[in-house]
Amino acid sequence: SNRRSSRVIASSSAATRAVRAAAWAAAKAGDSEALLR
């Protein structure tokens, strides 16, 4: 269960990093559709 918890934390961190990167790209481009996503 500790290994599973570690993988969940690692994957959520990756998801958080990915959505933040998408946010920066959308904000920089001013792309309405990307901002809404």
Full PDB file with SEQRES, HELIX, SHEET, SSBOND, CRYST1, ORIGX, SCALE, CONECT and MASTER records, all heavy atoms in Angstrom:
SEQRES   1 A   37  SER ASN ARG ARG SER SER ARG VAL ILE ALA SER SER SER          
SEQRES   2 A   37  ALA ALA THR ARG ALA VAL ARG ALA ALA ALA TRP ALA ALA          
SEQRES   3 A   37  ALA LYS ALA GLY ASP SER GLU ALA LEU LEU ARG                  
HELIX    1 AA1 ASN A    2  ALA A   29  1                                  28    
HELIX    2 AA2 SER A   32  LEU A   36  1                                   5    
CRYST1    1.000    1.000    1.000  90.00  90.00  90.00 P 1           1          
ORIGX1      1.000000  0.000000  0.000000        0.00000                         
ORIGX2      0.000000  1.000000  0.000000        0.00000                         
ORIGX3      0.000000  0.000000  1.000000        0.00000                         
SCALE1      1.000000  0.000000  0.000000        0.00000                         
SCALE2      0.000000  1.000000  0.000000        0.00000                         
SCALE3      0.000000  0.000000  1.000000        0.00000                         
ATOM      1  N   SER A   1       0.823  -1.202   0.000  1.00  0.00           N  
ATOM      2  CA  SER A   1       0.000   0.000   0.000  1.00  0.00           C  
ATOM      3  C   SER A   1       0.861   1.257   0.000  1.00  0.00           C  
ATOM      4  O   SER A   1       0.482   2.279  -0.553  1.00  0.00           O  
ATOM      5  CB  SER A   1      -0.957   0.007   1.180  1.00  0.00           C  
ATOM      6  OG  SER A   1      -0.249   0.126   2.385  1.00  0.00           O  
ATOM      7  N   ASN A   2       2.036   1.215   0.629  1.00  0.00           N  
ATOM      8  CA  ASN A   2       2.928   2.382   0.608  1.00  0.00           C  
ATOM      9  C   ASN A   2       3.418   2.665  -0.806  1.00  0.00           C  
ATOM     10  O   ASN A   2       3.537   3.811  -1.202  1.00  0.00           O  
ATOM     11  CB  ASN A   2       4.121   2.167   1.540  1.00  0.00           C  
ATOM     12  CG  ASN A   2       3.724   2.303   2.991  1.00  0.00           C  
ATOM     13  OD1 ASN A   2       2.684   2.872   3.300  1.00  0.00           O  
ATOM     14  ND2 ASN A   2       4.536   1.759   3.877  1.00  0.00           N  
ATOM     15  N   ARG A   3       3.734   1.598  -1.550  1.00  0.00           N  
ATOM     16  CA  ARG A   3       4.159   1.798  -2.940  1.00  0.00           C  
ATOM     17  C   ARG A   3       3.034   2.412  -3.756  1.00  0.00           C  
ATOM     18  O   ARG A   3       3.263   3.299  -4.553  1.00  0.00           O  
ATOM     19  CB  ARG A   3       4.575   0.468  -3.569  1.00  0.00           C  
ATOM     20  CG  ARG A   3       5.986   0.140  -3.314  1.00  0.00           C  
ATOM     21  CD  ARG A   3       6.419  -0.995  -4.194  1.00  0.00           C  
ATOM     22  NE  ARG A   3       7.340  -1.784  -3.421  1.00  0.00           N  
ATOM     23  CZ  ARG A   3       7.514  -3.062  -3.522  1.00  0.00           C  
ATOM     24  NH1 ARG A   3       6.812  -3.759  -4.385  1.00  0.00           N  
ATOM     25  NH2 ARG A   3       8.380  -3.684  -2.777  1.00  0.00           N  
ATOM     26  N   ARG A   4       1.817   1.909  -3.558  1.00  0.00           N  
ATOM     27  CA  ARG A   4       0.668   2.432  -4.297  1.00  0.00           C  
ATOM     28  C   ARG A   4       0.467   3.910  -3.952  1.00  0.00           C  
ATOM     29  O   ARG A   4       0.240   4.734  -4.824  1.00  0.00           O  
ATOM     30  CB  ARG A   4      -0.587   1.634  -3.954  1.00  0.00           C  
ATOM     31  CG  ARG A   4      -1.783   2.084  -4.740  1.00  0.00           C  
ATOM     32  CD  ARG A   4      -2.939   1.098  -4.556  1.00  0.00           C  
ATOM     33  NE  ARG A   4      -4.034   1.514  -5.378  1.00  0.00           N  
ATOM     34  CZ  ARG A   4      -5.102   2.156  -4.933  1.00  0.00           C  
ATOM     35  NH1 ARG A   4      -5.223   2.422  -3.660  1.00  0.00           N  
ATOM     36  NH2 ARG A   4      -6.060   2.502  -5.755  1.00  0.00           N  
ATOM     37  N   SER A   5       0.544   4.273  -2.672  1.00  0.00           N  
ATOM     38  CA  SER A   5       0.392   5.670  -2.255  1.00  0.00           C  
ATOM     39  C   SER A   5       1.454   6.544  -2.897  1.00  0.00           C  
ATOM     40  O   SER A   5       1.170   7.651  -3.347  1.00  0.00           O  
ATOM     41  CB  SER A   5       0.496   5.797  -0.733  1.00  0.00           C  
ATOM     42  OG  SER A   5      -0.555   5.106  -0.118  1.00  0.00           O  
ATOM     43  N   SER A   6       2.683   6.057  -2.956  1.00  0.00           N  
ATOM     44  CA  SER A   6       3.765   6.820  -3.572  1.00  0.00           C  
ATOM     45  C   SER A   6       3.487   7.068  -5.049  1.00  0.00           C  
ATOM     46  O   SER A   6       3.734   8.145  -5.570  1.00  0.00           O  
ATOM     47  CB  SER A   6       5.097   6.091  -3.419  1.00  0.00           C  
ATOM     48  OG  SER A   6       5.421   5.992  -2.062  1.00  0.00           O  
ATOM     49  N   ARG A   7       2.958   6.034  -5.729  1.00  0.00           N  
ATOM     50  CA  ARG A   7       2.650   6.197  -7.152  1.00  0.00           C  
ATOM     51  C   ARG A   7       1.510   7.194  -7.352  1.00  0.00           C  
ATOM     52  O   ARG A   7       1.536   7.989  -8.273  1.00  0.00           O  
ATOM     53  CB  ARG A   7       2.275   4.852  -7.784  1.00  0.00           C  
ATOM     54  CG  ARG A   7       3.508   4.047  -8.159  1.00  0.00           C  
ATOM     55  CD  ARG A   7       3.085   2.806  -8.827  1.00  0.00           C  
ATOM     56  NE  ARG A   7       2.554   1.993  -7.718  1.00  0.00           N  
ATOM     57  CZ  ARG A   7       2.031   0.804  -7.816  1.00  0.00           C  
ATOM     58  NH1 ARG A   7       1.891   0.237  -8.964  1.00  0.00           N  
ATOM     59  NH2 ARG A   7       1.608   0.141  -6.767  1.00  0.00           N  
ATOM     60  N   VAL A   8       0.508   7.165  -6.478  1.00  0.00           N  
ATOM     61  CA  VAL A   8      -0.610   8.106  -6.590  1.00  0.00           C  
ATOM     62  C   VAL A   8      -0.106   9.533  -6.390  1.00  0.00           C  
ATOM     63  O   VAL A   8      -0.442  10.435  -7.146  1.00  0.00           O  
ATOM     64  CB  VAL A   8      -1.726   7.761  -5.569  1.00  0.00           C  
ATOM     65  CG1 VAL A   8      -2.750   8.878  -5.486  1.00  0.00           C  
ATOM     66  CG2 VAL A   8      -2.382   6.449  -5.944  1.00  0.00           C  
ATOM     67  N   ILE A   9       0.729   9.729  -5.377  1.00  0.00           N  
ATOM     68  CA  ILE A   9       1.292  11.060  -5.123  1.00  0.00           C  
ATOM     69  C   ILE A   9       2.137  11.517  -6.306  1.00  0.00           C  
ATOM     70  O   ILE A   9       2.012  12.639  -6.775  1.00  0.00           O  
ATOM     71  CB  ILE A   9       2.122  11.064  -3.813  1.00  0.00           C  
ATOM     72  CG1 ILE A   9       1.182  10.911  -2.622  1.00  0.00           C  
ATOM     73  CG2 ILE A   9       2.943  12.339  -3.695  1.00  0.00           C  
ATOM     74  CD1 ILE A   9       1.877  10.635  -1.320  1.00  0.00           C  
ATOM     75  N   ALA A  10       2.976  10.626  -6.833  1.00  0.00           N  
ATOM     76  CA  ALA A  10       3.835  10.981  -7.968  1.00  0.00           C  
ATOM     77  C   ALA A  10       2.995  11.319  -9.190  1.00  0.00           C  
ATOM     78  O   ALA A  10       3.270  12.292  -9.889  1.00  0.00           O  
ATOM     79  CB  ALA A  10       4.796   9.840  -8.282  1.00  0.00           C  
ATOM     80  N   SER A  11       1.943  10.538  -9.449  1.00  0.00           N  
ATOM     81  CA  SER A  11       1.132  10.817 -10.629  1.00  0.00           C  
ATOM     82  C   SER A  11       0.326  12.100 -10.452  1.00  0.00           C  
ATOM     83  O   SER A  11       0.127  12.842 -11.394  1.00  0.00           O  
ATOM     84  CB  SER A  11       0.227   9.636 -10.960  1.00  0.00           C  
ATOM     85  OG  SER A  11      -0.742   9.469  -9.959  1.00  0.00           O  
ATOM     86  N   SER A  12      -0.158  12.389  -9.237  1.00  0.00           N  
ATOM     87  CA  SER A  12      -0.899  13.630  -9.044  1.00  0.00           C  
ATOM     88  C   SER A  12       0.047  14.827  -9.163  1.00  0.00           C  
ATOM     89  O   SER A  12      -0.337  15.865  -9.654  1.00  0.00           O  
ATOM     90  CB  SER A  12      -1.650  13.642  -7.721  1.00  0.00           C  
ATOM     91  OG  SER A  12      -0.770  13.760  -6.640  1.00  0.00           O  
ATOM     92  N   SER A  13       1.282  14.655  -8.752  1.00  0.00           N  
ATOM     93  CA  SER A  13       2.250  15.733  -8.927  1.00  0.00           C  
ATOM     94  C   SER A  13       2.508  15.979 -10.401  1.00  0.00           C  
ATOM     95  O   SER A  13       2.610  17.120 -10.831  1.00  0.00           O  
ATOM     96  CB  SER A  13       3.558  15.393  -8.217  1.00  0.00           C  
ATOM     97  OG  SER A  13       3.357  15.318  -6.833  1.00  0.00           O  
ATOM     98  N   ALA A  14       2.582  14.902 -11.171  1.00  0.00           N  
ATOM     99  CA  ALA A  14       2.775  15.043 -12.615  1.00  0.00           C  
ATOM    100  C   ALA A  14       1.560  15.721 -13.240  1.00  0.00           C  
ATOM    101  O   ALA A  14       1.699  16.587 -14.111  1.00  0.00           O  
ATOM    102  CB  ALA A  14       3.025  13.677 -13.251  1.00  0.00           C  
ATOM    103  N   ALA A  15       0.371  15.341 -12.788  1.00  0.00           N  
ATOM    104  CA  ALA A  15      -0.849  15.958 -13.314  1.00  0.00           C  
ATOM    105  C   ALA A  15      -0.894  17.442 -12.951  1.00  0.00           C  
ATOM    106  O   ALA A  15      -1.264  18.281 -13.776  1.00  0.00           O  
ATOM    107  CB  ALA A  15      -2.078  15.240 -12.769  1.00  0.00           C  
ATOM    108  N   THR A  16      -0.499  17.762 -11.730  1.00  0.00           N  
ATOM    109  CA  THR A  16      -0.482  19.160 -11.292  1.00  0.00           C  
ATOM    110  C   THR A  16       0.514  19.961 -12.121  1.00  0.00           C  
ATOM    111  O   THR A  16       0.196  21.065 -12.579  1.00  0.00           O  
ATOM    112  CB  THR A  16      -0.116  19.249  -9.797  1.00  0.00           C  
ATOM    113  OG1 THR A  16      -1.110  18.554  -9.049  1.00  0.00           O  
ATOM    114  CG2 THR A  16      -0.035  20.682  -9.322  1.00  0.00           C  
ATOM    115  N   ARG A  17       1.691  19.396 -12.341  1.00  0.00           N  
ATOM    116  CA  ARG A  17       2.696  20.090 -13.162  1.00  0.00           C  
ATOM    117  C   ARG A  17       2.182  20.287 -14.583  1.00  0.00           C  
ATOM    118  O   ARG A  17       2.375  21.350 -15.177  1.00  0.00           O  
ATOM    119  CB  ARG A  17       4.008  19.313 -13.165  1.00  0.00           C  
ATOM    120  CG  ARG A  17       4.803  19.439 -11.876  1.00  0.00           C  
ATOM    121  CD  ARG A  17       6.225  18.900 -12.023  1.00  0.00           C  
ATOM    122  NE  ARG A  17       6.271  17.523 -12.459  1.00  0.00           N  
ATOM    123  CZ  ARG A  17       6.248  16.456 -11.647  1.00  0.00           C  
ATOM    124  NH1 ARG A  17       6.145  16.631 -10.347  1.00  0.00           N  
ATOM    125  NH2 ARG A  17       6.311  15.241 -12.135  1.00  0.00           N  
ATOM    126  N   ALA A  18       1.512  19.279 -15.113  1.00  0.00           N  
ATOM    127  CA  ALA A  18       1.006  19.366 -16.488  1.00  0.00           C  
ATOM    128  C   ALA A  18      -0.067  20.445 -16.625  1.00  0.00           C  
ATOM    129  O   ALA A  18      -0.046  21.232 -17.580  1.00  0.00           O  
ATOM    130  CB  ALA A  18       0.452  18.011 -16.930  1.00  0.00           C  
ATOM    131  N   VAL A  19      -0.998  20.499 -15.685  1.00  0.00           N  
ATOM    132  CA  VAL A  19      -2.061  21.496 -15.785  1.00  0.00           C  
ATOM    133  C   VAL A  19      -1.506  22.902 -15.552  1.00  0.00           C  
ATOM    134  O   VAL A  19      -1.952  23.864 -16.181  1.00  0.00           O  
ATOM    135  CB  VAL A  19      -3.258  21.170 -14.863  1.00  0.00           C  
ATOM    136  CG1 VAL A  19      -2.984  21.506 -13.412  1.00  0.00           C  
ATOM    137  CG2 VAL A  19      -4.511  21.865 -15.340  1.00  0.00           C  
ATOM    138  N   ARG A  20      -0.517  23.037 -14.690  1.00  0.00           N  
ATOM    139  CA  ARG A  20       0.101  24.361 -14.486  1.00  0.00           C  
ATOM    140  C   ARG A  20       0.853  24.801 -15.743  1.00  0.00           C  
ATOM    141  O   ARG A  20       0.811  25.982 -16.110  1.00  0.00           O  
ATOM    142  CB  ARG A  20       1.033  24.339 -13.286  1.00  0.00           C  
ATOM    143  CG  ARG A  20       0.286  24.301 -11.966  1.00  0.00           C  
ATOM    144  CD  ARG A  20       1.226  24.247 -10.801  1.00  0.00           C  
ATOM    145  NE  ARG A  20       0.511  24.109  -9.540  1.00  0.00           N  
ATOM    146  CZ  ARG A  20       1.097  23.856  -8.401  1.00  0.00           C  
ATOM    147  NH1 ARG A  20       2.424  23.728  -8.326  1.00  0.00           N  
ATOM    148  NH2 ARG A  20       0.393  23.739  -7.295  1.00  0.00           N  
ATOM    149  N   ALA A  21       1.534  23.858 -16.401  1.00  0.00           N  
ATOM    150  CA  ALA A  21       2.225  24.184 -17.653  1.00  0.00           C  
ATOM    151  C   ALA A  21       1.212  24.604 -18.718  1.00  0.00           C  
ATOM    152  O   ALA A  21       1.435  25.574 -19.457  1.00  0.00           O  
ATOM    153  CB  ALA A  21       3.043  22.988 -18.133  1.00  0.00           C  
ATOM    154  N   ALA A  22       0.090  23.904 -18.776  1.00  0.00           N  
ATOM    155  CA  ALA A  22      -0.960  24.266 -19.730  1.00  0.00           C  
ATOM    156  C   ALA A  22      -1.523  25.644 -19.391  1.00  0.00           C  
ATOM    157  O   ALA A  22      -1.837  26.436 -20.293  1.00  0.00           O  
ATOM    158  CB  ALA A  22      -2.067  23.219 -19.710  1.00  0.00           C  
ATOM    159  N   ALA A  23      -1.638  25.950 -18.104  1.00  0.00           N  
ATOM    160  CA  ALA A  23      -2.140  27.256 -17.677  1.00  0.00           C  
ATOM    161  C   ALA A  23      -1.200  28.366 -18.128  1.00  0.00           C  
ATOM    162  O   ALA A  23      -1.650  29.389 -18.658  1.00  0.00           O  
ATOM    163  CB  ALA A  23      -2.323  27.276 -16.153  1.00  0.00           C  
ATOM    164  N   TRP A  24       0.107  28.166 -17.921  1.00  0.00           N  
ATOM    165  CA  TRP A  24       1.083  29.178 -18.353  1.00  0.00           C  
ATOM    166  C   TRP A  24       1.016  29.383 -19.855  1.00  0.00           C  
ATOM    167  O   TRP A  24       1.014  30.526 -20.330  1.00  0.00           O  
ATOM    168  CB  TRP A  24       2.505  28.793 -17.938  1.00  0.00           C  
ATOM    169  CG  TRP A  24       2.802  29.083 -16.508  1.00  0.00           C  
ATOM    170  CD1 TRP A  24       3.042  28.180 -15.517  1.00  0.00           C  
ATOM    171  CD2 TRP A  24       2.877  30.369 -15.883  1.00  0.00           C  
ATOM    172  NE1 TRP A  24       3.253  28.825 -14.321  1.00  0.00           N  
ATOM    173  CE2 TRP A  24       3.168  30.168 -14.519  1.00  0.00           C  
ATOM    174  CE3 TRP A  24       2.723  31.675 -16.348  1.00  0.00           C  
ATOM    175  CZ2 TRP A  24       3.307  31.215 -13.617  1.00  0.00           C  
ATOM    176  CZ3 TRP A  24       2.863  32.726 -15.445  1.00  0.00           C  
ATOM    177  CH2 TRP A  24       3.156  32.487 -14.100  1.00  0.00           C  
ATOM    178  N   ALA A  25       0.950  28.296 -20.610  1.00  0.00           N  
ATOM    179  CA  ALA A  25       0.898  28.401 -22.070  1.00  0.00           C  
ATOM    180  C   ALA A  25      -0.376  29.120 -22.514  1.00  0.00           C  
ATOM    181  O   ALA A  25      -0.331  29.989 -23.395  1.00  0.00           O  
ATOM    182  CB  ALA A  25       0.974  27.008 -22.705  1.00  0.00           C  
ATOM    183  N   ALA A  26      -1.503  28.778 -21.912  1.00  0.00           N  
ATOM    184  CA  ALA A  26      -2.778  29.405 -22.273  1.00  0.00           C  
ATOM    185  C   ALA A  26      -2.770  30.898 -21.937  1.00  0.00           C  
ATOM    186  O   ALA A  26      -3.229  31.728 -22.719  1.00  0.00           O  
ATOM    187  CB  ALA A  26      -3.921  28.706 -21.557  1.00  0.00           C  
ATOM    188  N   ALA A  27      -2.256  31.221 -20.751  1.00  0.00           N  
ATOM    189  CA  ALA A  27      -2.214  32.629 -20.324  1.00  0.00           C  
ATOM    190  C   ALA A  27      -1.297  33.441 -21.226  1.00  0.00           C  
ATOM    191  O   ALA A  27      -1.634  34.564 -21.615  1.00  0.00           O  
ATOM    192  CB  ALA A  27      -1.761  32.721 -18.875  1.00  0.00           C  
ATOM    193  N   LYS A  28      -0.156  32.876 -21.560  1.00  0.00           N  
ATOM    194  CA  LYS A  28       0.803  33.591 -22.416  1.00  0.00           C  
ATOM    195  C   LYS A  28       0.220  33.829 -23.802  1.00  0.00           C  
ATOM    196  O   LYS A  28       0.365  34.913 -24.362  1.00  0.00           O  
ATOM    197  CB  LYS A  28       2.103  32.792 -22.513  1.00  0.00           C  
ATOM    198  CG  LYS A  28       3.176  33.494 -23.301  1.00  0.00           C  
ATOM    199  CD  LYS A  28       4.468  32.722 -23.295  1.00  0.00           C  
ATOM    200  CE  LYS A  28       5.508  33.464 -24.118  1.00  0.00           C  
ATOM    201  NZ  LYS A  28       6.776  32.765 -24.157  1.00  0.00           N  
ATOM    202  N   ALA A  29      -0.457  32.816 -24.336  1.00  0.00           N  
ATOM    203  CA  ALA A  29      -1.023  32.926 -25.681  1.00  0.00           C  
ATOM    204  C   ALA A  29      -2.329  33.709 -25.702  1.00  0.00           C  
ATOM    205  O   ALA A  29      -2.751  34.190 -26.755  1.00  0.00           O  
ATOM    206  CB  ALA A  29      -1.249  31.533 -26.260  1.00  0.00           C  
ATOM    207  N   GLY A  30      -2.994  33.800 -24.549  1.00  0.00           N  
ATOM    208  CA  GLY A  30      -4.296  34.456 -24.507  1.00  0.00           C  
ATOM    209  C   GLY A  30      -5.344  33.659 -25.270  1.00  0.00           C  
ATOM    210  O   GLY A  30      -6.318  34.211 -25.772  1.00  0.00           O  
ATOM    211  N   ASP A  31      -5.159  32.361 -25.346  1.00  0.00           N  
ATOM    212  CA  ASP A  31      -6.034  31.450 -26.087  1.00  0.00           C  
ATOM    213  C   ASP A  31      -7.269  31.131 -25.241  1.00  0.00           C  
ATOM    214  O   ASP A  31      -7.183  30.398 -24.259  1.00  0.00           O  
ATOM    215  CB  ASP A  31      -5.241  30.183 -26.422  1.00  0.00           C  
ATOM    216  CG  ASP A  31      -6.035  29.140 -27.176  1.00  0.00           C  
ATOM    217  OD1 ASP A  31      -7.271  29.256 -27.277  1.00  0.00           O  
ATOM    218  OD2 ASP A  31      -5.404  28.185 -27.666  1.00  0.00           O  
ATOM    219  N   SER A  32      -8.425  31.661 -25.627  1.00  0.00           N  
ATOM    220  CA  SER A  32      -9.661  31.497 -24.850  1.00  0.00           C  
ATOM    221  C   SER A  32     -10.031  30.041 -24.644  1.00  0.00           C  
ATOM    222  O   SER A  32     -10.456  29.650 -23.552  1.00  0.00           O  
ATOM    223  CB  SER A  32     -10.828  32.211 -25.541  1.00  0.00           C  
ATOM    224  OG  SER A  32     -10.580  33.580 -25.604  1.00  0.00           O  
ATOM    225  N   GLU A  33      -9.903  29.233 -25.675  1.00  0.00           N  
ATOM    226  CA  GLU A  33     -10.264  27.818 -25.551  1.00  0.00           C  
ATOM    227  C   GLU A  33      -9.330  27.091 -24.588  1.00  0.00           C  
ATOM    228  O   GLU A  33      -9.770  26.283 -23.775  1.00  0.00           O  
ATOM    229  CB  GLU A  33     -10.260  27.144 -26.915  1.00  0.00           C  
ATOM    230  CG  GLU A  33     -11.411  27.600 -27.799  1.00  0.00           C  
ATOM    231  CD  GLU A  33     -11.395  26.940 -29.166  1.00  0.00           C  
ATOM    232  OE1 GLU A  33     -10.722  25.907 -29.348  1.00  0.00           O  
ATOM    233  OE2 GLU A  33     -12.083  27.471 -30.055  1.00  0.00           O  
ATOM    234  N   ALA A  34      -8.042  27.397 -24.666  1.00  0.00           N  
ATOM    235  CA  ALA A  34      -7.081  26.765 -23.756  1.00  0.00           C  
ATOM    236  C   ALA A  34      -7.303  27.237 -22.317  1.00  0.00           C  
ATOM    237  O   ALA A  34      -7.194  26.445 -21.372  1.00  0.00           O  
ATOM    238  CB  ALA A  34      -5.654  27.059 -24.211  1.00  0.00           C  
ATOM    239  N   LEU A  35      -7.623  28.512 -22.145  1.00  0.00           N  
ATOM    240  CA  LEU A  35      -7.922  29.034 -20.811  1.00  0.00           C  
ATOM    241  C   LEU A  35      -9.138  28.313 -20.221  1.00  0.00           C  
ATOM    242  O   LEU A  35      -9.131  27.925 -19.054  1.00  0.00           O  
ATOM    243  CB  LEU A  35      -8.196  30.539 -20.869  1.00  0.00           C  
ATOM    244  CG  LEU A  35      -7.012  31.445 -21.179  1.00  0.00           C  
ATOM    245  CD1 LEU A  35      -7.488  32.856 -21.513  1.00  0.00           C  
ATOM    246  CD2 LEU A  35      -6.023  31.459 -20.033  1.00  0.00           C  
ATOM    247  N   LEU A  36     -10.159  28.103 -21.045  1.00  0.00           N  
ATOM    248  CA  LEU A  36     -11.364  27.423 -20.580  1.00  0.00           C  
ATOM    249  C   LEU A  36     -11.071  25.963 -20.239  1.00  0.00           C  
ATOM    250  O   LEU A  36     -11.600  25.438 -19.258  1.00  0.00           O  
ATOM    251  CB  LEU A  36     -12.468  27.525 -21.627  1.00  0.00           C  
ATOM    252  CG  LEU A  36     -13.835  27.010 -21.207  1.00  0.00           C  
ATOM    253  CD1 LEU A  36     -14.341  27.736 -19.962  1.00  0.00           C  
ATOM    254  CD2 LEU A  36     -14.826  27.162 -22.345  1.00  0.00           C  
ATOM    255  N   ARG A  37     -10.203  25.320 -21.017  1.00  0.00           N  
ATOM    256  CA  ARG A  37      -9.827  23.925 -20.701  1.00  0.00           C  
ATOM    257  C   ARG A  37      -9.177  23.841 -19.330  1.00  0.00           C  
ATOM    258  O   ARG A  37      -9.459  22.939 -18.550  1.00  0.00           O  
ATOM    259  CB  ARG A  37      -8.902  23.355 -21.775  1.00  0.00           C  
ATOM    260  CG  ARG A  37      -9.620  22.856 -23.006  1.00  0.00           C  
ATOM    261  CD  ARG A  37      -8.718  22.017 -23.898  1.00  0.00           C  
ATOM    262  NE  ARG A  37      -7.549  22.729 -24.384  1.00  0.00           N  
ATOM    263  CZ  ARG A  37      -7.524  23.507 -25.458  1.00  0.00           C  
ATOM    264  NH1 ARG A  37      -8.630  23.689 -26.171  1.00  0.00           N  
ATOM    265  NH2 ARG A  37      -6.415  24.104 -25.835  1.00  0.00           N  
TER     266      ARG A  37                                                      
MASTER        0    0    0    2    0    0    0    6  265    1    0    3          
END                                                                             
